[in-house]
Amino acid sequence: MRTDWSKRWPDGAALANKDAPGVPLSRLEHAVLKLLYEERGITASGHETTDTDPGVATTKDDYSLESYILGTNHYQIEMLANLDQVPESGALVWITFPRSRTARDSPRA
């Protein structure tokens, strides 16, 4: 999901998008995810923001959007960048996991 949110990087305050009390503002809606997964049949979703659930929900331990996605046996990817360089169709996305610098089997930097 391209929102150009990643262009706020490296400005942490702009990226967090907090309201006056300091709670990150909403980004995604359950109805949108339901449409994408149940009607359009997507396999996974990805976005540029730091979390799928809005900050106002996570401050109350409400992770219902992430729970919905995982509950449908699908996955999501957060903190994507450079989505403006991906074509609207025909792109191949390779998904992997980051390797920790402190992992026991990783070489020292």
Protein backbone atom coordinates (compact mmCIF):
# COMPACT_ATOMS: atom_id res chain seq x y z
CA MET A 1 0.00 0.00 0.00
CA ARG A 2 1.74 3.11 -1.21
CA THR A 3 1.01 6.20 0.86
CA ASP A 4 4.38 7.96 0.46
CA TRP A 5 4.64 7.82 4.25
CA SER A 6 8.26 6.68 3.90
CA LYS A 7 9.16 10.10 2.47
CA ARG A 8 8.81 11.43 6.02
CA TRP A 9 12.02 9.56 6.88
CA PRO A 10 14.31 10.41 8.68
CA ASP A 11 12.09 12.94 10.52
CA GLY A 12 10.96 10.81 13.46
CA ALA A 13 8.25 13.26 14.52
CA ALA A 14 6.72 13.38 11.03
CA LEU A 15 6.93 9.60 10.78
CA ALA A 16 5.21 9.09 14.15
CA ASN A 17 2.36 11.51 13.21
CA LYS A 18 1.27 12.00 16.82
CA ASP A 19 -1.65 14.12 17.93
CA ALA A 20 -1.39 16.77 20.69
CA PRO A 21 -1.52 14.21 23.55
CA GLY A 22 1.22 12.18 21.81
CA VAL A 23 -0.78 9.28 20.34
CA PRO A 24 0.00 8.24 16.73
CA LEU A 25 -2.98 8.91 14.47
CA SER A 26 -4.99 6.26 12.60
CA ARG A 27 -3.75 4.87 9.30
CA LEU A 28 -5.73 1.81 8.17
CA GLU A 29 -9.34 0.75 8.61
CA HIS A 30 -10.74 -2.74 9.23
CA ALA A 31 -13.23 -2.32 6.35
CA VAL A 32 -10.36 -1.73 3.90
CA LEU A 33 -8.49 -4.83 5.06
CA LYS A 34 -11.66 -6.91 4.90
CA LEU A 35 -12.30 -5.76 1.32
CA LEU A 36 -8.73 -6.55 0.28
CA TYR A 37 -8.50 -9.99 1.92
CA GLU A 38 -12.05 -11.28 1.57
CA GLU A 39 -13.29 -9.71 -1.67
CA ARG A 40 -10.11 -9.14 -3.65
CA GLY A 41 -8.32 -12.25 -2.35
CA ILE A 42 -4.91 -10.75 -1.61
CA THR A 43 -2.26 -12.98 -0.05
CA ALA A 44 -0.46 -10.38 2.03
CA SER A 45 -0.42 -6.67 2.66
CA GLY A 46 2.45 -4.29 3.11
CA HIS A 47 2.65 -0.66 4.04
CA GLU A 48 5.09 2.12 4.79
CA THR A 49 3.91 2.94 8.30
CA THR A 50 5.37 1.57 11.53
CA ASP A 51 2.26 -0.38 12.49
CA THR A 52 -0.96 -1.66 10.96
CA ASP A 53 -3.00 -0.74 14.00
CA PRO A 54 -3.43 2.96 14.79
CA GLY A 55 -1.58 4.34 17.80
CA VAL A 56 -4.83 5.26 19.53
CA ALA A 57 -5.68 1.53 19.49
CA THR A 58 -2.25 0.19 20.44
CA THR A 59 -2.09 2.46 23.49
CA LYS A 60 -5.08 0.41 24.70
CA ASP A 61 -3.49 -2.94 23.71
CA ASP A 62 -5.88 -3.17 20.75
CA TYR A 63 -4.15 -4.94 17.88
CA SER A 64 -7.37 -5.95 16.13
CA LEU A 65 -6.17 -5.11 12.60
CA GLU A 66 -3.03 -7.22 12.88
CA SER A 67 -5.07 -9.93 14.63
CA TYR A 68 -7.56 -9.90 11.76
CA ILE A 69 -4.81 -10.35 9.14
CA LEU A 70 -3.03 -13.11 11.05
CA GLY A 71 -6.40 -14.72 11.85
CA THR A 72 -7.08 -15.11 8.12
CA ASN A 73 -3.82 -17.08 7.82
CA HIS A 74 -2.11 -14.25 5.92
CA TYR A 75 0.77 -11.97 6.76
CA GLN A 76 1.76 -8.34 6.58
CA ILE A 77 4.94 -6.37 6.08
CA GLU A 78 5.57 -3.08 7.85
CA MET A 79 8.05 -0.25 7.25
CA LEU A 80 8.39 -0.64 3.48
CA ALA A 81 10.27 2.04 1.57
CA ASN A 82 10.65 3.13 -2.06
CA LEU A 83 7.17 1.97 -3.04
CA ASP A 84 7.07 4.91 -5.45
CA GLN A 85 9.59 2.93 -7.52
CA VAL A 86 7.38 -0.17 -7.78
CA PRO A 87 5.08 -0.38 -10.83
CA GLU A 88 1.33 -0.65 -10.24
CA SER A 89 1.33 -4.15 -11.74
CA GLY A 90 3.83 -6.73 -12.87
CA ALA A 91 6.29 -6.34 -10.00
CA LEU A 92 7.89 -9.28 -8.25
CA VAL A 93 8.44 -8.76 -4.52
CA TRP A 94 10.95 -10.92 -2.69
CA ILE A 95 10.23 -11.17 1.03
CA THR A 96 12.78 -12.23 3.61
CA PHE A 97 13.65 -11.52 7.22
CA PRO A 98 16.38 -9.18 8.46
CA ARG A 99 19.45 -10.75 9.95
CA SER A 100 20.41 -9.50 13.38
CA ARG A 101 23.94 -8.18 13.87
CA THR A 102 23.98 -9.89 17.24
CA ALA A 103 22.83 -13.27 15.97
CA ARG A 104 25.06 -16.07 17.18
CA ASP A 105 25.95 -17.28 13.68
CA SER A 106 26.40 -13.88 12.02
CA PRO A 107 29.87 -12.58 11.22
CA ARG A 108 31.10 -9.63 13.25
CA ALA A 109 31.03 -6.25 11.52
